[in-house]
Amino acid sequence: MKINKLIALVFVIVLTSLGISQVYFTEFVDLTNVVIEFLRKSETFLYISSYSLDKEEIITEILRLYESGIDVKILLENPSPKLGDLIKIDREKSLHHAKFIVNDSGVLFGSANFTESGLKTGFNDVIIFSDYIDQFKNLFLNLWEEGKVVDCKPFLVVGYDDVEEKILEHLYNAKNRIYLSVFAFTNEKIFALLKYKESKGLDIKIITDSWFYSSKLNKYPIRNIKIIDKPMLHHKFMIIDNKVILGSANFTLNGLNKNFEMVYITQDYLEDYLEVFDFLWGYNCEDDCLKN
């Protein structure tokens, strides 16, 4: 197992150094090194958005880059005292929940907070893009300077785009399968559409976290659902036929309508997300739990 993880880590570092867009999952690799390698490619600026950031290795690297003269700015929902004045805390009632890093080399985007659970012990995904730098930089600076949410095409931004409506549209047009893997699932519109599509013969599968026990949807009969008690299932992706919908947004009212969230819809990475979904569908915590 240690040899497999070492091989995976070397593969990650090589891809990251080449600037190749690639998706990574904590199911298969510790994302800490993925993030650190990406941070080290900052040449003039480093802008970070996250719900929380407290992983020591990440903080150490950020401070090193700042001391070397890199323009570092960080927007968070929760404080991270060691980063001091590099941070602005979002004081809005809605959550600052989008997780991304943008620097001179590209964009790192996904479901993972920059914490131990986000990068190592929970189930999360991130993608590194070699493009979209200008869009993310513009979005970040508008938030930093004016608290304003702006367009970031081809990504959808809650507060600018009607993300819930766009997802419902894709669900309604589904022909063969809908697979969900999500931490929090309370959205009644999505649930009703899933039940309707199941009645029409589509293959519907749901993987969610033990948080679902407190969801109001838990009182309804649901077939083909898997609840993972540990570690934290923190993904936020959906496979609809040959598309993947992914990002920071949970499938809740606030997640798709009120928080600062970002969603990406693509036909790329389909096989990667199918692989991790199959892994989770067959996952047995007694045998496979990640070790803290």
C-alpha atoms as a PDB file:
ATOM      1  CA  MET A   1       0.000   0.000   0.000  1.00  0.00           C
ATOM      2  CA  LYS A   2       2.811   2.441   0.897  1.00  0.00           C
ATOM      3  CA  ILE A   3       4.534   1.681  -2.426  1.00  0.00           C
ATOM      4  CA  ASN A   4       1.288   2.371  -4.345  1.00  0.00           C
ATOM      5  CA  LYS A   5       0.842   5.681  -2.538  1.00  0.00           C
ATOM      6  CA  LEU A   6       4.452   6.632  -3.282  1.00  0.00           C
ATOM      7  CA  ILE A   7       3.974   5.873  -6.982  1.00  0.00           C
ATOM      8  CA  ALA A   8       0.759   7.935  -6.981  1.00  0.00           C
ATOM      9  CA  LEU A   9       2.576  10.839  -5.304  1.00  0.00           C
ATOM     10  CA  VAL A  10       5.392  10.801  -7.882  1.00  0.00           C
ATOM     11  CA  PHE A  11       2.783  10.735 -10.670  1.00  0.00           C
ATOM     12  CA  VAL A  12       1.014  13.721  -9.103  1.00  0.00           C
ATOM     13  CA  ILE A  13       4.209  15.763  -8.825  1.00  0.00           C
ATOM     14  CA  VAL A  14       5.200  15.022 -12.449  1.00  0.00           C
ATOM     15  CA  LEU A  15       1.771  16.012 -13.816  1.00  0.00           C
ATOM     16  CA  THR A  16       1.652  19.140 -11.692  1.00  0.00           C
ATOM     17  CA  SER A  17       5.133  20.204 -12.794  1.00  0.00           C
ATOM     18  CA  LEU A  18       4.141  19.768 -16.443  1.00  0.00           C
ATOM     19  CA  GLY A  19       1.047  21.957 -16.021  1.00  0.00           C
ATOM     20  CA  ILE A  20      -1.299  19.209 -17.239  1.00  0.00           C
ATOM     21  CA  SER A  21      -4.932  19.570 -16.174  1.00  0.00           C
ATOM     22  CA  GLN A  22      -5.722  16.653 -13.932  1.00  0.00           C
ATOM     23  CA  VAL A  23      -8.219  15.562 -11.286  1.00  0.00           C
ATOM     24  CA  TYR A  24      -7.099  14.176  -7.920  1.00  0.00           C
ATOM     25  CA  PHE A  25      -9.022  12.320  -5.224  1.00  0.00           C
ATOM     26  CA  THR A  26      -8.153  11.777  -1.562  1.00  0.00           C
ATOM     27  CA  GLU A  27      -9.389   8.222  -2.048  1.00  0.00           C
ATOM     28  CA  PHE A  28      -6.153   7.587  -3.932  1.00  0.00           C
ATOM     29  CA  VAL A  29      -3.605  10.244  -2.877  1.00  0.00           C
ATOM     30  CA  ASP A  30      -2.860  12.741  -0.099  1.00  0.00           C
ATOM     31  CA  LEU A  31      -3.782  16.091  -1.637  1.00  0.00           C
ATOM     32  CA  THR A  32      -1.426  18.031   0.649  1.00  0.00           C
ATOM     33  CA  ASN A  33       1.481  17.525  -1.748  1.00  0.00           C
ATOM     34  CA  VAL A  34      -0.697  18.350  -4.749  1.00  0.00           C
ATOM     35  CA  VAL A  35      -1.549  21.724  -3.197  1.00  0.00           C
ATOM     36  CA  ILE A  36       2.009  22.474  -2.085  1.00  0.00           C
ATOM     37  CA  GLU A  37       3.420  21.747  -5.539  1.00  0.00           C
ATOM     38  CA  PHE A  38       0.787  24.049  -7.034  1.00  0.00           C
ATOM     39  CA  LEU A  39       1.536  26.830  -4.520  1.00  0.00           C
ATOM     40  CA  ARG A  40       5.233  26.651  -5.393  1.00  0.00           C
ATOM     41  CA  LYS A  41       4.449  27.598  -8.981  1.00  0.00           C
ATOM     42  CA  SER A  42       3.346  31.084  -7.855  1.00  0.00           C
ATOM     43  CA  GLU A  43       5.600  33.716  -9.433  1.00  0.00           C
ATOM     44  CA  THR A  44       3.947  37.065  -8.701  1.00  0.00           C
ATOM     45  CA  PHE A  45       0.594  36.410  -7.017  1.00  0.00           C
ATOM     46  CA  LEU A  46      -1.317  33.817  -4.994  1.00  0.00           C
ATOM     47  CA  TYR A  47      -5.042  34.225  -4.265  1.00  0.00           C
ATOM     48  CA  ILE A  48      -6.910  31.677  -2.152  1.00  0.00           C
ATOM     49  CA  SER A  49     -10.609  31.212  -1.435  1.00  0.00           C
ATOM     50  CA  SER A  50     -11.812  28.626   1.076  1.00  0.00           C
ATOM     51  CA  TYR A  51     -14.235  27.928   3.880  1.00  0.00           C
ATOM     52  CA  SER A  52     -11.293  27.072   6.150  1.00  0.00           C
ATOM     53  CA  LEU A  53      -7.509  26.807   5.976  1.00  0.00           C
ATOM     54  CA  ASP A  54      -5.529  25.438   8.909  1.00  0.00           C
ATOM     55  CA  LYS A  55      -3.226  22.685   7.623  1.00  0.00           C
ATOM     56  CA  GLU A  56       0.257  23.456   8.931  1.00  0.00           C
ATOM     57  CA  GLU A  57       2.189  22.450   5.794  1.00  0.00           C
ATOM     58  CA  ILE A  58       0.001  24.698   3.639  1.00  0.00           C
ATOM     59  CA  ILE A  59       0.307  27.644   6.028  1.00  0.00           C
ATOM     60  CA  THR A  60       4.088  27.251   6.154  1.00  0.00           C
ATOM     61  CA  GLU A  61       4.339  27.319   2.360  1.00  0.00           C
ATOM     62  CA  ILE A  62       2.015  30.331   2.050  1.00  0.00           C
ATOM     63  CA  LEU A  63       4.094  32.307   4.563  1.00  0.00           C
ATOM     64  CA  ARG A  64       7.307  31.356   2.758  1.00  0.00           C
ATOM     65  CA  LEU A  65       5.873  32.612  -0.528  1.00  0.00           C
ATOM     66  CA  TYR A  66       4.684  35.842   1.092  1.00  0.00           C
ATOM     67  CA  GLU A  67       8.120  36.470   2.602  1.00  0.00           C
ATOM     68  CA  SER A  68       9.658  35.933  -0.839  1.00  0.00           C
ATOM     69  CA  GLY A  69       7.620  38.848  -2.222  1.00  0.00           C
ATOM     70  CA  ILE A  70       4.593  37.074  -3.708  1.00  0.00           C
ATOM     71  CA  ASP A  71       1.315  39.033  -3.533  1.00  0.00           C
ATOM     72  CA  VAL A  72      -0.739  36.787  -1.225  1.00  0.00           C
ATOM     73  CA  LYS A  73      -4.421  37.367  -0.519  1.00  0.00           C
ATOM     74  CA  ILE A  74      -6.796  34.912   1.206  1.00  0.00           C
ATOM     75  CA  LEU A  75     -10.590  34.991   1.614  1.00  0.00           C
ATOM     76  CA  LEU A  76     -12.032  32.666   4.266  1.00  0.00           C
ATOM     77  CA  GLU A  77     -15.206  31.974   6.212  1.00  0.00           C
ATOM     78  CA  ASN A  78     -13.291  30.857   9.311  1.00  0.00           C
ATOM     79  CA  PRO A  79     -10.251  32.578  10.893  1.00  0.00           C
ATOM     80  CA  SER A  80      -6.720  31.234  10.479  1.00  0.00           C
ATOM     81  CA  PRO A  81      -4.712  33.268  13.015  1.00  0.00           C
ATOM     82  CA  LYS A  82      -1.243  32.261  11.824  1.00  0.00           C
ATOM     83  CA  LEU A  83      -1.895  33.936   8.464  1.00  0.00           C
ATOM     84  CA  GLY A  84      -2.661  37.304  10.058  1.00  0.00           C
ATOM     85  CA  ASP A  85      -3.273  40.235   7.735  1.00  0.00           C
ATOM     86  CA  LEU A  86      -3.085  38.064   4.609  1.00  0.00           C
ATOM     87  CA  ILE A  87      -6.708  37.113   5.316  1.00  0.00           C
ATOM     88  CA  LYS A  88     -10.060  38.774   4.964  1.00  0.00           C
ATOM     89  CA  ILE A  89     -12.969  37.022   6.687  1.00  0.00           C
ATOM     90  CA  ASP A  90     -16.287  37.027   4.856  1.00  0.00           C
ATOM     91  CA  ARG A  91     -18.792  38.617   7.276  1.00  0.00           C
ATOM     92  CA  GLU A  92     -21.886  38.006   5.151  1.00  0.00           C
ATOM     93  CA  LYS A  93     -24.692  35.874   6.620  1.00  0.00           C
ATOM     94  CA  SER A  94     -24.314  33.381   3.772  1.00  0.00           C
ATOM     95  CA  LEU A  95     -21.254  31.134   3.775  1.00  0.00           C
ATOM     96  CA  HIS A  96     -18.043  31.850   1.899  1.00  0.00           C
ATOM     97  CA  HIS A  97     -17.757  28.269   0.686  1.00  0.00           C
ATOM     98  CA  ALA A  98     -16.007  28.179  -2.727  1.00  0.00           C
ATOM     99  CA  LYS A  99     -12.620  26.472  -2.628  1.00  0.00           C
ATOM    100  CA  PHE A 100     -10.016  27.549  -5.176  1.00  0.00           C
ATOM    101  CA  ILE A 101      -6.473  28.801  -5.571  1.00  0.00           C
ATOM    102  CA  VAL A 102      -5.362  30.922  -8.505  1.00  0.00           C
ATOM    103  CA  ASN A 103      -1.762  31.858  -9.263  1.00  0.00           C
ATOM    104  CA  ASP A 104       0.453  32.551 -12.270  1.00  0.00           C
ATOM    105  CA  SER A 105       0.374  28.894 -13.356  1.00  0.00           C
ATOM    106  CA  GLY A 106      -3.345  28.108 -13.237  1.00  0.00           C
ATOM    107  CA  VAL A 107      -6.294  27.296 -11.017  1.00  0.00           C
ATOM    108  CA  LEU A 108      -6.815  24.620  -8.369  1.00  0.00           C
ATOM    109  CA  PHE A 109     -10.538  24.007  -7.833  1.00  0.00           C
ATOM    110  CA  GLY A 110     -12.758  21.478  -6.092  1.00  0.00           C
ATOM    111  CA  SER A 111     -14.506  20.294  -2.944  1.00  0.00           C
ATOM    112  CA  ALA A 112     -11.529  20.328  -0.564  1.00  0.00           C
ATOM    113  CA  ASN A 113     -10.907  22.850   2.174  1.00  0.00           C
ATOM    114  CA  PHE A 114      -7.227  23.311   2.971  1.00  0.00           C
ATOM    115  CA  THR A 115      -7.402  21.320   6.180  1.00  0.00           C
ATOM    116  CA  GLU A 116      -6.411  17.849   7.369  1.00  0.00           C
ATOM    117  CA  SER A 117      -9.889  16.530   6.608  1.00  0.00           C
ATOM    118  CA  GLY A 118     -10.063  18.357   3.300  1.00  0.00           C
ATOM    119  CA  LEU A 119      -6.723  17.186   1.948  1.00  0.00           C
ATOM    120  CA  LYS A 120      -6.085  13.843   3.581  1.00  0.00           C
ATOM    121  CA  THR A 121      -8.543  12.111   5.914  1.00  0.00           C
ATOM    122  CA  GLY A 122     -11.883  12.954   4.268  1.00  0.00           C
ATOM    123  CA  PHE A 123     -13.114  12.138   0.760  1.00  0.00           C
ATOM    124  CA  ASN A 124     -12.566  15.107  -1.601  1.00  0.00           C
ATOM    125  CA  ASP A 125     -11.590  15.999  -5.157  1.00  0.00           C
ATOM    126  CA  VAL A 126      -9.636  18.810  -6.802  1.00  0.00           C
ATOM    127  CA  ILE A 127      -8.796  19.671 -10.393  1.00  0.00           C
ATOM    128  CA  ILE A 128      -5.800  21.708 -11.518  1.00  0.00           C
ATOM    129  CA  PHE A 129      -6.383  23.766 -14.674  1.00  0.00           C
ATOM    130  CA  SER A 130      -3.635  25.467 -16.632  1.00  0.00           C
ATOM    131  CA  ASP A 131      -6.105  28.068 -17.928  1.00  0.00           C
ATOM    132  CA  TYR A 132      -8.965  30.218 -16.529  1.00  0.00           C
ATOM    133  CA  ILE A 133      -6.424  32.354 -14.647  1.00  0.00           C
ATOM    134  CA  ASP A 134      -7.861  35.707 -15.739  1.00  0.00           C
ATOM    135  CA  GLN A 135     -11.446  34.718 -14.884  1.00  0.00           C
ATOM    136  CA  PHE A 136     -10.585  33.540 -11.367  1.00  0.00           C
ATOM    137  CA  LYS A 137      -8.259  36.457 -10.707  1.00  0.00           C
ATOM    138  CA  ASN A 138     -10.976  38.915 -11.729  1.00  0.00           C
ATOM    139  CA  LEU A 139     -13.570  37.160  -9.557  1.00  0.00           C
ATOM    140  CA  PHE A 140     -11.265  37.072  -6.554  1.00  0.00           C
ATOM    141  CA  LEU A 141     -10.211  40.721  -6.783  1.00  0.00           C
ATOM    142  CA  ASN A 142     -13.818  41.878  -7.111  1.00  0.00           C
ATOM    143  CA  LEU A 143     -14.622  39.965  -3.935  1.00  0.00           C
ATOM    144  CA  TRP A 144     -11.497  41.239  -2.161  1.00  0.00           C
ATOM    145  CA  GLU A 145     -11.870  44.886  -3.106  1.00  0.00           C
ATOM    146  CA  GLU A 146     -15.646  45.358  -3.342  1.00  0.00           C
ATOM    147  CA  GLY A 147     -17.295  42.247  -1.943  1.00  0.00           C
ATOM    148  CA  LYS A 148     -18.856  41.796  -5.377  1.00  0.00           C
ATOM    149  CA  VAL A 149     -19.638  38.480  -7.098  1.00  0.00           C
ATOM    150  CA  VAL A 150     -18.982  38.580 -10.848  1.00  0.00           C
ATOM    151  CA  ASP A 151     -18.994  36.265 -13.850  1.00  0.00           C
ATOM    152  CA  CYS A 152     -16.398  33.484 -14.081  1.00  0.00           C
ATOM    153  CA  LYS A 153     -17.334  31.598 -17.241  1.00  0.00           C
ATOM    154  CA  PRO A 154     -17.298  28.682 -17.959  1.00  0.00           C
ATOM    155  CA  PHE A 155     -17.805  28.171 -14.209  1.00  0.00           C
ATOM    156  CA  LEU A 156     -21.142  28.898 -12.560  1.00  0.00           C
ATOM    157  CA  VAL A 157     -21.128  31.192  -9.531  1.00  0.00           C
ATOM    158  CA  VAL A 158     -23.925  31.199  -6.954  1.00  0.00           C
ATOM    159  CA  GLY A 159     -24.957  34.818  -6.536  1.00  0.00           C
ATOM    160  CA  TYR A 160     -24.346  35.566 -10.207  1.00  0.00           C
ATOM    161  CA  ASP A 161     -25.725  32.547 -12.092  1.00  0.00           C
ATOM    162  CA  ASP A 162     -28.923  30.600 -11.376  1.00  0.00           C
ATOM    163  CA  VAL A 163     -27.033  27.463 -10.410  1.00  0.00           C
ATOM    164  CA  GLU A 164     -29.994  25.523  -9.057  1.00  0.00           C
ATOM    165  CA  GLU A 165     -31.988  26.060 -12.246  1.00  0.00           C
ATOM    166  CA  LYS A 166     -29.059  24.986 -14.416  1.00  0.00           C
ATOM    167  CA  ILE A 167     -28.605  21.749 -12.448  1.00  0.00           C
ATOM    168  CA  LEU A 168     -32.333  21.001 -12.547  1.00  0.00           C
ATOM    169  CA  GLU A 169     -32.250  21.501 -16.319  1.00  0.00           C
ATOM    170  CA  HIS A 170     -29.471  18.927 -16.701  1.00  0.00           C
ATOM    171  CA  LEU A 171     -31.287  16.497 -14.422  1.00  0.00           C
ATOM    172  CA  TYR A 172     -34.535  16.887 -16.352  1.00  0.00           C
ATOM    173  CA  ASN A 173     -32.733  16.131 -19.628  1.00  0.00           C
ATOM    174  CA  ALA A 174     -30.966  13.024 -18.272  1.00  0.00           C
ATOM    175  CA  LYS A 175     -31.545   9.904 -20.398  1.00  0.00           C
ATOM    176  CA  ASN A 176     -29.724   7.001 -18.736  1.00  0.00           C
ATOM    177  CA  ARG A 177     -28.105   7.606 -15.347  1.00  0.00           C
ATOM    178  CA  ILE A 178     -27.765  10.048 -12.477  1.00  0.00           C
ATOM    179  CA  TYR A 179     -25.139   9.384  -9.795  1.00  0.00           C
ATOM    180  CA  LEU A 180     -24.721  11.745  -6.834  1.00  0.00           C
ATOM    181  CA  SER A 181     -21.863  11.903  -4.356  1.00  0.00           C
ATOM    182  CA  VAL A 182     -22.416  14.770  -1.937  1.00  0.00           C
ATOM    183  CA  PHE A 183     -21.842  15.729   1.687  1.00  0.00           C
ATOM    184  CA  ALA A 184     -25.137  17.541   2.351  1.00  0.00           C
ATOM    185  CA  PHE A 185     -28.344  16.723   0.467  1.00  0.00           C
ATOM    186  CA  THR A 186     -31.588  18.485   1.444  1.00  0.00           C
ATOM    187  CA  ASN A 187     -32.742  20.046  -1.837  1.00  0.00           C
ATOM    188  CA  GLU A 188     -36.349  18.919  -2.347  1.00  0.00           C
ATOM    189  CA  LYS A 189     -36.455  19.961  -6.007  1.00  0.00           C
ATOM    190  CA  ILE A 190     -33.493  17.749  -6.858  1.00  0.00           C
ATOM    191  CA  PHE A 191     -34.893  14.903  -4.763  1.00  0.00           C
ATOM    192  CA  ALA A 192     -38.295  15.078  -6.479  1.00  0.00           C
ATOM    193  CA  LEU A 193     -36.675  15.075  -9.913  1.00  0.00           C
ATOM    194  CA  LEU A 194     -34.547  12.072  -8.987  1.00  0.00           C
ATOM    195  CA  LYS A 195     -37.656  10.170  -7.905  1.00  0.00           C
ATOM    196  CA  TYR A 196     -39.394  11.109 -11.159  1.00  0.00           C
ATOM    197  CA  LYS A 197     -36.417  10.011 -13.259  1.00  0.00           C
ATOM    198  CA  GLU A 198     -36.208   6.746 -11.328  1.00  0.00           C
ATOM    199  CA  SER A 199     -39.871   6.096 -12.166  1.00  0.00           C
ATOM    200  CA  LYS A 200     -38.926   6.498 -15.832  1.00  0.00           C
ATOM    201  CA  GLY A 201     -36.306   3.774 -15.564  1.00  0.00           C
ATOM    202  CA  LEU A 202     -33.103   5.772 -15.155  1.00  0.00           C
ATOM    203  CA  ASP A 203     -30.251   4.358 -13.082  1.00  0.00           C
ATOM    204  CA  ILE A 204     -30.235   6.513  -9.918  1.00  0.00           C
ATOM    205  CA  LYS A 205     -27.590   6.120  -7.209  1.00  0.00           C
ATOM    206  CA  ILE A 206     -26.816   8.381  -4.246  1.00  0.00           C
ATOM    207  CA  ILE A 207     -23.719   8.342  -2.038  1.00  0.00           C
ATOM    208  CA  THR A 208     -23.752  10.738   0.881  1.00  0.00           C
ATOM    209  CA  ASP A 209     -22.270  11.409   4.292  1.00  0.00           C
ATOM    210  CA  SER A 210     -23.758  10.432   7.664  1.00  0.00           C
ATOM    211  CA  TRP A 211     -24.909  14.068   7.797  1.00  0.00           C
ATOM    212  CA  PHE A 212     -27.875  12.753   5.783  1.00  0.00           C
ATOM    213  CA  TYR A 213     -29.356  11.207   8.935  1.00  0.00           C
ATOM    214  CA  SER A 214     -30.316  14.757   9.969  1.00  0.00           C
ATOM    215  CA  SER A 215     -31.669  15.694   6.527  1.00  0.00           C
ATOM    216  CA  LYS A 216     -35.405  16.129   6.160  1.00  0.00           C
ATOM    217  CA  LEU A 217     -35.170  13.909   3.074  1.00  0.00           C
ATOM    218  CA  ASN A 218     -34.190  10.960   5.254  1.00  0.00           C
ATOM    219  CA  LYS A 219     -37.838  10.405   6.214  1.00  0.00           C
ATOM    220  CA  TYR A 220     -38.734   9.497   2.620  1.00  0.00           C
ATOM    221  CA  PRO A 221     -38.163   6.032   1.144  1.00  0.00           C
ATOM    222  CA  ILE A 222     -35.052   6.048  -1.042  1.00  0.00           C
ATOM    223  CA  ARG A 223     -33.636   3.163  -3.025  1.00  0.00           C
ATOM    224  CA  ASN A 224     -30.015   2.848  -4.093  1.00  0.00           C
ATOM    225  CA  ILE A 225     -28.542   5.148  -1.452  1.00  0.00           C
ATOM    226  CA  LYS A 226     -25.267   4.563   0.388  1.00  0.00           C
ATOM    227  CA  ILE A 227     -24.432   6.520   3.534  1.00  0.00           C
ATOM    228  CA  ILE A 228     -20.764   6.626   4.525  1.00  0.00           C
ATOM    229  CA  ASP A 229     -20.295   7.111   8.256  1.00  0.00           C
ATOM    230  CA  LYS A 230     -16.538   7.635   8.184  1.00  0.00           C
ATOM    231  CA  PRO A 231     -14.397   9.242   7.058  1.00  0.00           C
ATOM    232  CA  MET A 232     -16.257  12.393   6.039  1.00  0.00           C
ATOM    233  CA  LEU A 233     -17.727  12.078   2.548  1.00  0.00           C
ATOM    234  CA  HIS A 234     -17.183  15.662   1.388  1.00  0.00           C
ATOM    235  CA  HIS A 235     -17.490  15.402  -2.411  1.00  0.00           C
ATOM    236  CA  LYS A 236     -20.039  17.554  -4.248  1.00  0.00           C
ATOM    237  CA  PHE A 237     -20.317  15.928  -7.658  1.00  0.00           C
ATOM    238  CA  MET A 238     -23.022  14.540  -9.878  1.00  0.00           C
ATOM    239  CA  ILE A 239     -22.687  12.341 -12.957  1.00  0.00           C
ATOM    240  CA  ILE A 240     -25.536  12.834 -15.443  1.00  0.00           C
ATOM    241  CA  ASP A 241     -25.201  10.552 -18.478  1.00  0.00           C
ATOM    242  CA  ASN A 242     -21.783  11.618 -19.833  1.00  0.00           C
ATOM    243  CA  LYS A 243     -21.459  14.919 -17.945  1.00  0.00           C
ATOM    244  CA  VAL A 244     -19.927  15.687 -14.566  1.00  0.00           C
ATOM    245  CA  ILE A 245     -21.180  18.523 -12.342  1.00  0.00           C
ATOM    246  CA  LEU A 246     -18.688  19.318  -9.590  1.00  0.00           C
ATOM    247  CA  GLY A 247     -17.446  22.040  -7.291  1.00  0.00           C
ATOM    248  CA  SER A 248     -18.003  23.444  -3.814  1.00  0.00           C
ATOM    249  CA  ALA A 249     -21.810  23.464  -3.602  1.00  0.00           C
ATOM    250  CA  ASN A 250     -23.750  21.000  -1.506  1.00  0.00           C
ATOM    251  CA  PHE A 251     -27.187  20.081  -2.845  1.00  0.00           C
ATOM    252  CA  THR A 252     -29.067  22.265  -0.393  1.00  0.00           C
ATOM    253  CA  LEU A 253     -31.156  25.429  -0.663  1.00  0.00           C
ATOM    254  CA  ASN A 254     -28.297  27.617   0.564  1.00  0.00           C
ATOM    255  CA  GLY A 255     -25.638  25.731  -1.363  1.00  0.00           C
ATOM    256  CA  LEU A 256     -27.297  26.332  -4.718  1.00  0.00           C
ATOM    257  CA  ASN A 257     -28.877  29.723  -4.065  1.00  0.00           C
ATOM    258  CA  LYS A 258     -27.311  31.764  -1.250  1.00  0.00           C
ATOM    259  CA  ASN A 259     -23.714  30.897  -0.355  1.00  0.00           C
ATOM    260  CA  PHE A 260     -20.650  31.922  -2.325  1.00  0.00           C
ATOM    261  CA  GLU A 261     -20.193  28.694  -4.277  1.00  0.00           C
ATOM    262  CA  MET A 262     -18.799  27.635  -7.636  1.00  0.00           C
ATOM    263  CA  VAL A 263     -19.832  24.793  -9.945  1.00  0.00           C
ATOM    264  CA  TYR A 264     -18.251  23.391 -13.089  1.00  0.00           C
ATOM    265  CA  ILE A 265     -20.072  21.297 -15.719  1.00  0.00           C
ATOM    266  CA  THR A 266     -17.919  19.251 -18.079  1.00  0.00           C
ATOM    267  CA  GLN A 267     -17.624  16.106 -20.163  1.00  0.00           C
ATOM    268  CA  ASP A 268     -13.958  15.870 -19.226  1.00  0.00           C
ATOM    269  CA  TYR A 269     -12.841  13.641 -16.344  1.00  0.00           C
ATOM    270  CA  LEU A 270     -15.930  11.414 -16.719  1.00  0.00           C
ATOM    271  CA  GLU A 271     -13.960   8.179 -16.363  1.00  0.00           C
ATOM    272  CA  ASP A 272     -12.122   9.554 -13.327  1.00  0.00           C
ATOM    273  CA  TYR A 273     -15.352  10.418 -11.529  1.00  0.00           C
ATOM    274  CA  LEU A 274     -16.965   7.119 -12.511  1.00  0.00           C
ATOM    275  CA  GLU A 275     -13.950   5.318 -11.052  1.00  0.00           C
ATOM    276  CA  VAL A 276     -14.178   7.111  -7.722  1.00  0.00           C
ATOM    277  CA  PHE A 277     -17.969   6.686  -7.614  1.00  0.00           C
ATOM    278  CA  ASP A 278     -17.589   2.933  -8.151  1.00  0.00           C
ATOM    279  CA  PHE A 279     -14.922   2.866  -5.439  1.00  0.00           C
ATOM    280  CA  LEU A 280     -17.249   4.586  -2.984  1.00  0.00           C
ATOM    281  CA  TRP A 281     -20.261   2.460  -3.960  1.00  0.00           C
ATOM    282  CA  GLY A 282     -18.286  -0.637  -3.010  1.00  0.00           C
ATOM    283  CA  TYR A 283     -16.615   0.994  -0.024  1.00  0.00           C
ATOM    284  CA  ASN A 284     -16.682  -0.840   3.309  1.00  0.00           C
ATOM    285  CA  CYS A 285     -15.482   1.327   6.164  1.00  0.00           C
ATOM    286  CA  GLU A 286     -14.450  -1.659   8.279  1.00  0.00           C
ATOM    287  CA  ASP A 287     -12.002  -2.695   5.553  1.00  0.00           C
ATOM    288  CA  ASP A 288     -11.154   0.553   3.796  1.00  0.00           C
ATOM    289  CA  CYS A 289     -11.385   3.458   6.250  1.00  0.00           C
ATOM    290  CA  LEU A 290      -8.670   6.060   5.774  1.00  0.00           C
ATOM    291  CA  LYS A 291      -6.300   6.093   8.714  1.00  0.00           C
ATOM    292  CA  ASN A 292      -6.004   9.384  10.567  1.00  0.00           C
END
